[in-house]
Amino acid sequence: MNTIIDLMLAIRKGCIYFYHKDTKQFDGNHFSEVERKNLSFDSRLPLNDTNNFRLPSYEEINHKDIMSFYVKEYVEDKVTRKQLFYVLRRYDYMDAYLDKLRELNLYDDFIDTSGDIYMQIFEEWADKNKLNFK
């Protein structure tokens, strides 16, 4: 299960991850700002590609909402909450937030409590694409 959560947390702005059914592998393609402006997320895939499947995008996952929910619902210490919310105000918050969780010894708790949300997003994606990972 952690591998799926790690995969979902690796999806960042400017990165598109794919699942290749024939090799049963996941991989990511990183694009610059210029490339992303001229490239839609699905433009690299044919309409009826039965082998390559794009995982949910950074925008579709909405990490910031998931991370904010964790802080609101599970972090009781006000100083810690303030630190985490401060990190979430940044433009590029993902690595800093996860690093701060590790620093505060909250990373495992975050994975335990928020991992279900990431798993649900992954499972909905798999069902939509008729993929079976069980």
C-alpha atoms as a PDB file:
ATOM      1  CA  MET A   1       0.000   0.000   0.000  1.00  0.00           C
ATOM      2  CA  ASN A   2       2.799   2.474   0.784  1.00  0.00           C
ATOM      3  CA  THR A   3       4.134   2.097  -2.748  1.00  0.00           C
ATOM      4  CA  ILE A   4       0.848   3.420  -4.164  1.00  0.00           C
ATOM      5  CA  ILE A   5       0.810   6.300  -1.678  1.00  0.00           C
ATOM      6  CA  ASP A   6       4.442   7.100  -2.513  1.00  0.00           C
ATOM      7  CA  LEU A   7       3.519   7.086  -6.197  1.00  0.00           C
ATOM      8  CA  MET A   8       0.596   9.447  -5.592  1.00  0.00           C
ATOM      9  CA  LEU A   9       2.791  11.783  -3.518  1.00  0.00           C
ATOM     10  CA  ALA A  10       5.366  11.808  -6.346  1.00  0.00           C
ATOM     11  CA  ILE A  11       2.845  13.371  -8.740  1.00  0.00           C
ATOM     12  CA  ARG A  12       3.798  17.015  -8.858  1.00  0.00           C
ATOM     13  CA  LYS A  13       3.070  20.057 -10.953  1.00  0.00           C
ATOM     14  CA  GLY A  14       4.703  19.609 -14.345  1.00  0.00           C
ATOM     15  CA  CYS A  15       4.929  15.841 -14.100  1.00  0.00           C
ATOM     16  CA  ILE A  16       2.686  13.299 -15.753  1.00  0.00           C
ATOM     17  CA  TYR A  17       2.799   9.686 -14.583  1.00  0.00           C
ATOM     18  CA  PHE A  18       1.726   6.754 -16.731  1.00  0.00           C
ATOM     19  CA  TYR A  19       0.958   3.120 -16.118  1.00  0.00           C
ATOM     20  CA  HIS A  20       2.075   0.796 -18.920  1.00  0.00           C
ATOM     21  CA  LYS A  21      -0.137  -2.276 -18.878  1.00  0.00           C
ATOM     22  CA  ASP A  22       2.185  -4.448 -20.974  1.00  0.00           C
ATOM     23  CA  THR A  23       5.192  -3.995 -18.670  1.00  0.00           C
ATOM     24  CA  LYS A  24       3.156  -3.360 -15.493  1.00  0.00           C
ATOM     25  CA  GLN A  25       5.373  -0.346 -14.806  1.00  0.00           C
ATOM     26  CA  PHE A  26       4.722   3.238 -13.723  1.00  0.00           C
ATOM     27  CA  ASP A  27       6.868   6.070 -15.001  1.00  0.00           C
ATOM     28  CA  GLY A  28       6.807   9.826 -15.115  1.00  0.00           C
ATOM     29  CA  ASN A  29       7.529  12.488 -17.682  1.00  0.00           C
ATOM     30  CA  HIS A  30       8.637  15.897 -16.508  1.00  0.00           C
ATOM     31  CA  PHE A  31       7.790  18.955 -18.596  1.00  0.00           C
ATOM     32  CA  SER A  32       8.948  22.548 -18.381  1.00  0.00           C
ATOM     33  CA  GLU A  33       6.480  25.429 -17.991  1.00  0.00           C
ATOM     34  CA  VAL A  34       6.803  26.213 -21.721  1.00  0.00           C
ATOM     35  CA  GLU A  35       6.184  22.608 -22.746  1.00  0.00           C
ATOM     36  CA  ARG A  36       3.149  22.343 -20.445  1.00  0.00           C
ATOM     37  CA  LYS A  37       1.537  25.446 -21.943  1.00  0.00           C
ATOM     38  CA  ASN A  38       1.728  23.860 -25.384  1.00  0.00           C
ATOM     39  CA  LEU A  39       0.878  20.302 -24.331  1.00  0.00           C
ATOM     40  CA  SER A  40      -2.370  18.986 -22.949  1.00  0.00           C
ATOM     41  CA  PHE A  41      -2.113  16.161 -20.420  1.00  0.00           C
ATOM     42  CA  ASP A  42      -3.636  13.604 -22.778  1.00  0.00           C
ATOM     43  CA  SER A  43      -2.011  14.723 -26.013  1.00  0.00           C
ATOM     44  CA  ARG A  44       0.742  12.099 -25.730  1.00  0.00           C
ATOM     45  CA  LEU A  45      -1.810   9.283 -25.683  1.00  0.00           C
ATOM     46  CA  PRO A  46      -3.992   8.131 -28.544  1.00  0.00           C
ATOM     47  CA  LEU A  47      -7.724   8.224 -27.802  1.00  0.00           C
ATOM     48  CA  ASN A  48      -8.068   4.440 -27.585  1.00  0.00           C
ATOM     49  CA  ASP A  49      -4.713   3.428 -26.110  1.00  0.00           C
ATOM     50  CA  THR A  50      -5.247   0.122 -24.321  1.00  0.00           C
ATOM     51  CA  ASN A  51      -1.700  -0.071 -22.978  1.00  0.00           C
ATOM     52  CA  ASN A  52      -0.765   3.351 -21.535  1.00  0.00           C
ATOM     53  CA  PHE A  53      -2.867   5.079 -18.892  1.00  0.00           C
ATOM     54  CA  ARG A  54      -2.251   8.542 -17.462  1.00  0.00           C
ATOM     55  CA  LEU A  55      -2.557   8.696 -13.686  1.00  0.00           C
ATOM     56  CA  PRO A  56      -4.529  11.560 -12.125  1.00  0.00           C
ATOM     57  CA  SER A  57      -2.777  14.893 -12.534  1.00  0.00           C
ATOM     58  CA  TYR A  58      -1.432  17.086  -9.749  1.00  0.00           C
ATOM     59  CA  GLU A  59      -4.503  19.309 -10.122  1.00  0.00           C
ATOM     60  CA  GLU A  60      -6.895  16.348 -10.017  1.00  0.00           C
ATOM     61  CA  ILE A  61      -5.370  15.014  -6.793  1.00  0.00           C
ATOM     62  CA  ASN A  62      -5.362  18.372  -4.962  1.00  0.00           C
ATOM     63  CA  HIS A  63      -2.632  17.548  -2.462  1.00  0.00           C
ATOM     64  CA  LYS A  64      -3.060  20.884  -0.689  1.00  0.00           C
ATOM     65  CA  ASP A  65      -6.643  20.050   0.336  1.00  0.00           C
ATOM     66  CA  ILE A  66      -5.592  16.638   1.631  1.00  0.00           C
ATOM     67  CA  MET A  67      -2.668  18.105   3.555  1.00  0.00           C
ATOM     68  CA  SER A  68      -4.769  20.947   4.982  1.00  0.00           C
ATOM     69  CA  PHE A  69      -7.407  18.439   6.080  1.00  0.00           C
ATOM     70  CA  TYR A  70      -4.737  16.443   7.918  1.00  0.00           C
ATOM     71  CA  VAL A  71      -3.502  19.516   9.778  1.00  0.00           C
ATOM     72  CA  LYS A  72      -7.027  20.667  10.700  1.00  0.00           C
ATOM     73  CA  GLU A  73      -8.280  17.291  11.847  1.00  0.00           C
ATOM     74  CA  TYR A  74      -5.264  15.471  13.285  1.00  0.00           C
ATOM     75  CA  VAL A  75      -2.663  17.991  14.476  1.00  0.00           C
ATOM     76  CA  GLU A  76      -3.623  19.279  17.903  1.00  0.00           C
ATOM     77  CA  ASP A  77      -0.569  21.345  18.873  1.00  0.00           C
ATOM     78  CA  LYS A  78      -1.116  24.961  17.777  1.00  0.00           C
ATOM     79  CA  VAL A  79       2.563  25.682  17.130  1.00  0.00           C
ATOM     80  CA  THR A  80       2.886  22.599  14.937  1.00  0.00           C
ATOM     81  CA  ARG A  81      -0.319  23.450  13.073  1.00  0.00           C
ATOM     82  CA  LYS A  82       0.973  26.954  12.423  1.00  0.00           C
ATOM     83  CA  GLN A  83       4.264  25.600  11.045  1.00  0.00           C
ATOM     84  CA  LEU A  84       2.507  23.202   8.687  1.00  0.00           C
ATOM     85  CA  PHE A  85      -0.027  25.761   7.467  1.00  0.00           C
ATOM     86  CA  TYR A  86       2.834  28.194   6.846  1.00  0.00           C
ATOM     87  CA  VAL A  87       4.522  25.633   4.573  1.00  0.00           C
ATOM     88  CA  LEU A  88       1.241  25.076   2.702  1.00  0.00           C
ATOM     89  CA  ARG A  89       1.130  28.773   1.815  1.00  0.00           C
ATOM     90  CA  ARG A  90       4.160  28.352  -0.461  1.00  0.00           C
ATOM     91  CA  TYR A  91       3.842  27.950  -4.221  1.00  0.00           C
ATOM     92  CA  ASP A  92       6.042  24.863  -4.234  1.00  0.00           C
ATOM     93  CA  TYR A  93       4.979  23.286  -0.933  1.00  0.00           C
ATOM     94  CA  MET A  94       5.069  19.517  -1.493  1.00  0.00           C
ATOM     95  CA  ASP A  95       8.663  18.650  -0.579  1.00  0.00           C
ATOM     96  CA  ALA A  96       8.805  21.236   2.203  1.00  0.00           C
ATOM     97  CA  TYR A  97       5.562  19.929   3.740  1.00  0.00           C
ATOM     98  CA  LEU A  98       6.678  16.295   3.653  1.00  0.00           C
ATOM     99  CA  ASP A  99      10.094  17.279   5.052  1.00  0.00           C
ATOM    100  CA  LYS A 100       8.431  19.248   7.852  1.00  0.00           C
ATOM    101  CA  LEU A 101       6.239  16.233   8.690  1.00  0.00           C
ATOM    102  CA  ARG A 102       9.368  14.077   8.931  1.00  0.00           C
ATOM    103  CA  GLU A 103      11.108  16.691  11.069  1.00  0.00           C
ATOM    104  CA  LEU A 104       8.122  16.782  13.445  1.00  0.00           C
ATOM    105  CA  ASN A 105       7.825  12.953  13.453  1.00  0.00           C
ATOM    106  CA  LEU A 106       4.349  13.202  11.912  1.00  0.00           C
ATOM    107  CA  TYR A 107       5.031  11.641   8.508  1.00  0.00           C
ATOM    108  CA  ASP A 108       3.890   8.132   9.481  1.00  0.00           C
ATOM    109  CA  ASP A 109       0.758   9.564  11.088  1.00  0.00           C
ATOM    110  CA  PHE A 110       0.039  11.549   7.915  1.00  0.00           C
ATOM    111  CA  ILE A 111       0.417   8.401   5.791  1.00  0.00           C
ATOM    112  CA  ASP A 112      -1.781   6.393   8.196  1.00  0.00           C
ATOM    113  CA  THR A 113      -4.559   8.989   8.255  1.00  0.00           C
ATOM    114  CA  SER A 114      -4.395  10.461   4.738  1.00  0.00           C
ATOM    115  CA  GLY A 115      -3.215   7.382   2.901  1.00  0.00           C
ATOM    116  CA  ASP A 116      -6.803   6.198   2.544  1.00  0.00           C
ATOM    117  CA  ILE A 117      -7.633   9.326   0.539  1.00  0.00           C
ATOM    118  CA  TYR A 118      -4.727   8.705  -1.839  1.00  0.00           C
ATOM    119  CA  MET A 119      -5.702   5.038  -2.104  1.00  0.00           C
ATOM    120  CA  GLN A 120      -9.286   6.017  -2.922  1.00  0.00           C
ATOM    121  CA  ILE A 121      -8.108   8.364  -5.685  1.00  0.00           C
ATOM    122  CA  PHE A 122      -5.910   5.582  -7.084  1.00  0.00           C
ATOM    123  CA  GLU A 123      -8.670   2.966  -6.875  1.00  0.00           C
ATOM    124  CA  GLU A 124     -11.181   5.265  -8.608  1.00  0.00           C
ATOM    125  CA  TRP A 125      -8.618   5.851 -11.367  1.00  0.00           C
ATOM    126  CA  ALA A 126      -8.022   2.084 -11.705  1.00  0.00           C
ATOM    127  CA  ASP A 127     -11.769   1.355 -11.827  1.00  0.00           C
ATOM    128  CA  LYS A 128     -12.343   4.078 -14.413  1.00  0.00           C
ATOM    129  CA  ASN A 129      -9.638   2.531 -16.602  1.00  0.00           C
ATOM    130  CA  LYS A 130     -10.747  -1.054 -15.894  1.00  0.00           C
ATOM    131  CA  LEU A 131      -7.388  -1.964 -14.370  1.00  0.00           C
ATOM    132  CA  ASN A 132      -7.040  -4.590 -11.654  1.00  0.00           C
ATOM    133  CA  PHE A 133      -4.158  -4.290  -9.186  1.00  0.00           C
ATOM    134  CA  LYS A 134      -5.405  -6.864  -6.638  1.00  0.00           C
END
